[in-house]
Amino acid sequence: MRPEEAFGRVLCELRGKKGLSQEKLALEANLDRTFISLLERGLRQPSLKTILELSKVLGVKAAYLIELAEAEMTKEA
């Protein structure tokens, strides 16, 4: 699994657990909803700034997002 796909799965899962729509997450992170959709589908790679903004809104550390994505990649390997 590609890193952007793993990150997308993690982002979608955490967003769902937080009860946020793509639109609400995008609004709070100062991003476009379509960009959130692209991230969740693994079609875009997030920048460090994006990871930091998303982690703030999701209430987790940026490193935790990356750890979860790494674990997701390992599951599929």
N, C-alpha and C. Protein backbone atom coordinates (compact mmCIF):
# COMPACT_ATOMS: atom_id res chain seq x y z
N MET A 1 0.85 -1.18 0.00
CA MET A 1 0.00 0.00 0.00
C MET A 1 0.90 1.24 0.00
N ARG A 2 0.50 2.20 -0.80
CA ARG A 2 1.26 3.45 -0.88
C ARG A 2 1.01 4.29 0.38
N PRO A 3 2.01 5.09 0.77
CA PRO A 3 1.85 5.92 1.98
C PRO A 3 0.63 6.83 1.94
N GLU A 4 0.35 7.42 0.78
CA GLU A 4 -0.80 8.33 0.71
C GLU A 4 -2.13 7.58 0.88
N GLU A 5 -2.17 6.32 0.43
CA GLU A 5 -3.39 5.51 0.64
C GLU A 5 -3.56 5.19 2.12
N ALA A 6 -2.46 4.83 2.78
CA ALA A 6 -2.51 4.52 4.21
C ALA A 6 -2.92 5.75 5.01
N PHE A 7 -2.35 6.90 4.67
CA PHE A 7 -2.72 8.13 5.37
C PHE A 7 -4.20 8.44 5.16
N GLY A 8 -4.67 8.24 3.96
CA GLY A 8 -6.08 8.49 3.65
C GLY A 8 -7.02 7.63 4.47
N ARG A 9 -6.68 6.36 4.61
CA ARG A 9 -7.52 5.46 5.42
C ARG A 9 -7.56 5.92 6.87
N VAL A 10 -6.39 6.27 7.39
CA VAL A 10 -6.29 6.73 8.77
C VAL A 10 -7.09 8.02 8.97
N LEU A 11 -6.94 8.95 8.04
CA LEU A 11 -7.65 10.22 8.13
C LEU A 11 -9.17 9.99 8.13
N CYS A 12 -9.63 9.16 7.24
CA CYS A 12 -11.07 8.87 7.15
C CYS A 12 -11.58 8.24 8.44
N GLU A 13 -10.82 7.30 8.98
CA GLU A 13 -11.22 6.61 10.21
C GLU A 13 -11.28 7.58 11.39
N LEU A 14 -10.24 8.40 11.55
CA LEU A 14 -10.21 9.34 12.67
C LEU A 14 -11.29 10.41 12.53
N ARG A 15 -11.52 10.86 11.32
CA ARG A 15 -12.57 11.85 11.07
C ARG A 15 -13.92 11.28 11.47
N GLY A 16 -14.17 10.03 11.10
CA GLY A 16 -15.42 9.37 11.45
C GLY A 16 -15.59 9.21 12.95
N LYS A 17 -14.51 8.82 13.64
CA LYS A 17 -14.57 8.66 15.09
C LYS A 17 -14.85 9.99 15.79
N LYS A 18 -14.37 11.06 15.20
CA LYS A 18 -14.57 12.40 15.76
C LYS A 18 -15.95 12.95 15.40
N GLY A 19 -16.65 12.27 14.49
CA GLY A 19 -17.98 12.70 14.09
C GLY A 19 -17.98 13.93 13.20
N LEU A 20 -16.92 14.09 12.42
CA LEU A 20 -16.79 15.24 11.54
C LEU A 20 -17.08 14.86 10.10
N SER A 21 -17.77 15.72 9.40
CA SER A 21 -17.93 15.55 7.96
C SER A 21 -16.64 16.04 7.30
N GLN A 22 -16.46 15.68 6.04
CA GLN A 22 -15.31 16.20 5.30
C GLN A 22 -15.36 17.72 5.27
N GLU A 23 -16.54 18.25 5.10
CA GLU A 23 -16.71 19.70 5.02
C GLU A 23 -16.31 20.38 6.34
N LYS A 24 -16.76 19.82 7.46
CA LYS A 24 -16.45 20.41 8.77
C LYS A 24 -14.95 20.31 9.06
N LEU A 25 -14.35 19.17 8.75
CA LEU A 25 -12.91 19.01 8.95
C LEU A 25 -12.14 20.03 8.11
N ALA A 26 -12.54 20.15 6.86
CA ALA A 26 -11.88 21.09 5.96
C ALA A 26 -12.00 22.52 6.48
N LEU A 27 -13.18 22.89 6.91
CA LEU A 27 -13.42 24.25 7.41
C LEU A 27 -12.52 24.55 8.61
N GLU A 28 -12.48 23.62 9.56
CA GLU A 28 -11.69 23.84 10.78
C GLU A 28 -10.19 23.80 10.52
N ALA A 29 -9.76 23.08 9.48
CA ALA A 29 -8.33 22.98 9.16
C ALA A 29 -7.91 23.97 8.08
N ASN A 30 -8.83 24.85 7.68
CA ASN A 30 -8.55 25.83 6.62
C ASN A 30 -8.12 25.17 5.31
N LEU A 31 -8.83 24.12 4.95
CA LEU A 31 -8.58 23.39 3.70
C LEU A 31 -9.88 23.31 2.91
N ASP A 32 -9.77 22.87 1.68
CA ASP A 32 -10.95 22.69 0.84
C ASP A 32 -11.50 21.29 1.03
N ARG A 33 -12.83 21.15 1.01
CA ARG A 33 -13.44 19.83 1.19
C ARG A 33 -12.98 18.85 0.13
N THR A 34 -12.81 19.31 -1.09
CA THR A 34 -12.37 18.40 -2.15
C THR A 34 -10.96 17.89 -1.89
N PHE A 35 -10.13 18.71 -1.23
CA PHE A 35 -8.78 18.27 -0.89
C PHE A 35 -8.83 17.17 0.16
N ILE A 36 -9.73 17.31 1.14
CA ILE A 36 -9.90 16.25 2.15
C ILE A 36 -10.32 14.96 1.46
N SER A 37 -11.23 15.05 0.51
CA SER A 37 -11.67 13.88 -0.24
C SER A 37 -10.51 13.24 -0.98
N LEU A 38 -9.70 14.05 -1.63
CA LEU A 38 -8.53 13.53 -2.35
C LEU A 38 -7.55 12.86 -1.40
N LEU A 39 -7.33 13.45 -0.23
CA LEU A 39 -6.44 12.85 0.76
C LEU A 39 -6.98 11.50 1.21
N GLU A 40 -8.27 11.44 1.52
CA GLU A 40 -8.87 10.21 2.03
C GLU A 40 -8.86 9.10 0.98
N ARG A 41 -8.90 9.46 -0.27
CA ARG A 41 -8.86 8.45 -1.34
C ARG A 41 -7.44 8.12 -1.77
N GLY A 42 -6.45 8.72 -1.10
CA GLY A 42 -5.06 8.42 -1.40
C GLY A 42 -4.58 9.01 -2.71
N LEU A 43 -5.24 10.06 -3.17
CA LEU A 43 -4.88 10.67 -4.45
C LEU A 43 -3.98 11.89 -4.30
N ARG A 44 -3.75 12.32 -3.06
CA ARG A 44 -2.85 13.45 -2.78
C ARG A 44 -2.03 13.13 -1.54
N GLN A 45 -0.82 13.69 -1.51
CA GLN A 45 0.03 13.57 -0.33
C GLN A 45 -0.08 14.85 0.49
N PRO A 46 -0.27 14.73 1.80
CA PRO A 46 -0.37 15.93 2.62
C PRO A 46 1.01 16.52 2.89
N SER A 47 1.06 17.83 2.97
CA SER A 47 2.30 18.50 3.38
C SER A 47 2.40 18.42 4.90
N LEU A 48 3.55 18.77 5.42
CA LEU A 48 3.71 18.79 6.87
C LEU A 48 2.73 19.77 7.50
N LYS A 49 2.56 20.92 6.88
CA LYS A 49 1.60 21.92 7.38
C LYS A 49 0.19 21.33 7.44
N THR A 50 -0.20 20.60 6.40
CA THR A 50 -1.52 19.98 6.37
C THR A 50 -1.67 18.94 7.47
N ILE A 51 -0.65 18.12 7.67
CA ILE A 51 -0.69 17.11 8.73
C ILE A 51 -0.85 17.78 10.09
N LEU A 52 -0.11 18.87 10.31
CA LEU A 52 -0.21 19.58 11.58
C LEU A 52 -1.60 20.17 11.79
N GLU A 53 -2.18 20.76 10.75
CA GLU A 53 -3.53 21.33 10.86
C GLU A 53 -4.57 20.25 11.12
N LEU A 54 -4.48 19.15 10.39
CA LEU A 54 -5.43 18.06 10.57
C LEU A 54 -5.33 17.46 11.97
N SER A 55 -4.11 17.27 12.44
CA SER A 55 -3.93 16.67 13.77
C SER A 55 -4.52 17.57 14.85
N LYS A 56 -4.38 18.88 14.68
CA LYS A 56 -4.94 19.83 15.65
C LYS A 56 -6.46 19.68 15.71
N VAL A 57 -7.10 19.64 14.55
CA VAL A 57 -8.56 19.52 14.50
C VAL A 57 -9.02 18.16 15.04
N LEU A 58 -8.27 17.12 14.73
CA LEU A 58 -8.65 15.77 15.15
C LEU A 58 -8.29 15.48 16.61
N GLY A 59 -7.51 16.38 17.22
CA GLY A 59 -7.17 16.21 18.63
C GLY A 59 -6.13 15.15 18.89
N VAL A 60 -5.24 14.92 17.93
CA VAL A 60 -4.15 13.96 18.09
C VAL A 60 -2.84 14.63 17.69
N LYS A 61 -1.74 14.03 18.09
CA LYS A 61 -0.43 14.55 17.68
C LYS A 61 -0.17 14.16 16.23
N ALA A 62 0.57 15.02 15.54
CA ALA A 62 0.92 14.75 14.15
C ALA A 62 1.68 13.43 14.03
N ALA A 63 2.56 13.17 14.98
CA ALA A 63 3.34 11.93 14.96
C ALA A 63 2.42 10.71 15.04
N TYR A 64 1.31 10.84 15.77
CA TYR A 64 0.36 9.74 15.89
C TYR A 64 -0.29 9.44 14.55
N LEU A 65 -0.64 10.47 13.80
CA LEU A 65 -1.20 10.26 12.46
C LEU A 65 -0.23 9.47 11.59
N ILE A 66 1.03 9.84 11.65
CA ILE A 66 2.05 9.17 10.84
C ILE A 66 2.26 7.73 11.33
N GLU A 67 2.28 7.54 12.64
CA GLU A 67 2.41 6.18 13.19
C GLU A 67 1.28 5.28 12.72
N LEU A 68 0.06 5.80 12.77
CA LEU A 68 -1.09 5.02 12.32
C LEU A 68 -0.98 4.69 10.83
N ALA A 69 -0.52 5.63 10.04
CA ALA A 69 -0.35 5.39 8.61
C ALA A 69 0.72 4.32 8.37
N GLU A 70 1.81 4.38 9.13
CA GLU A 70 2.86 3.36 9.02
C GLU A 70 2.32 1.98 9.38
N ALA A 71 1.52 1.92 10.44
CA ALA A 71 0.93 0.65 10.86
C ALA A 71 -0.02 0.13 9.78
N GLU A 72 -0.77 1.01 9.16
CA GLU A 72 -1.69 0.63 8.09
C GLU A 72 -0.91 0.04 6.91
N MET A 73 0.21 0.64 6.60
CA MET A 73 1.05 0.14 5.49
C MET A 73 1.59 -1.25 5.83
N THR A 74 1.96 -1.46 7.08
CA THR A 74 2.51 -2.74 7.51
C THR A 74 1.47 -3.84 7.43
N LYS A 75 0.21 -3.50 7.76
CA LYS A 75 -0.88 -4.49 7.70
C LYS A 75 -1.03 -5.07 6.31
N GLU A 76 -0.85 -4.21 5.31
CA GLU A 76 -1.07 -4.62 3.92
C GLU A 76 0.16 -5.24 3.27
N ALA A 77 1.31 -5.15 3.95
CA ALA A 77 2.55 -5.65 3.35
C ALA A 77 2.63 -7.16 3.35
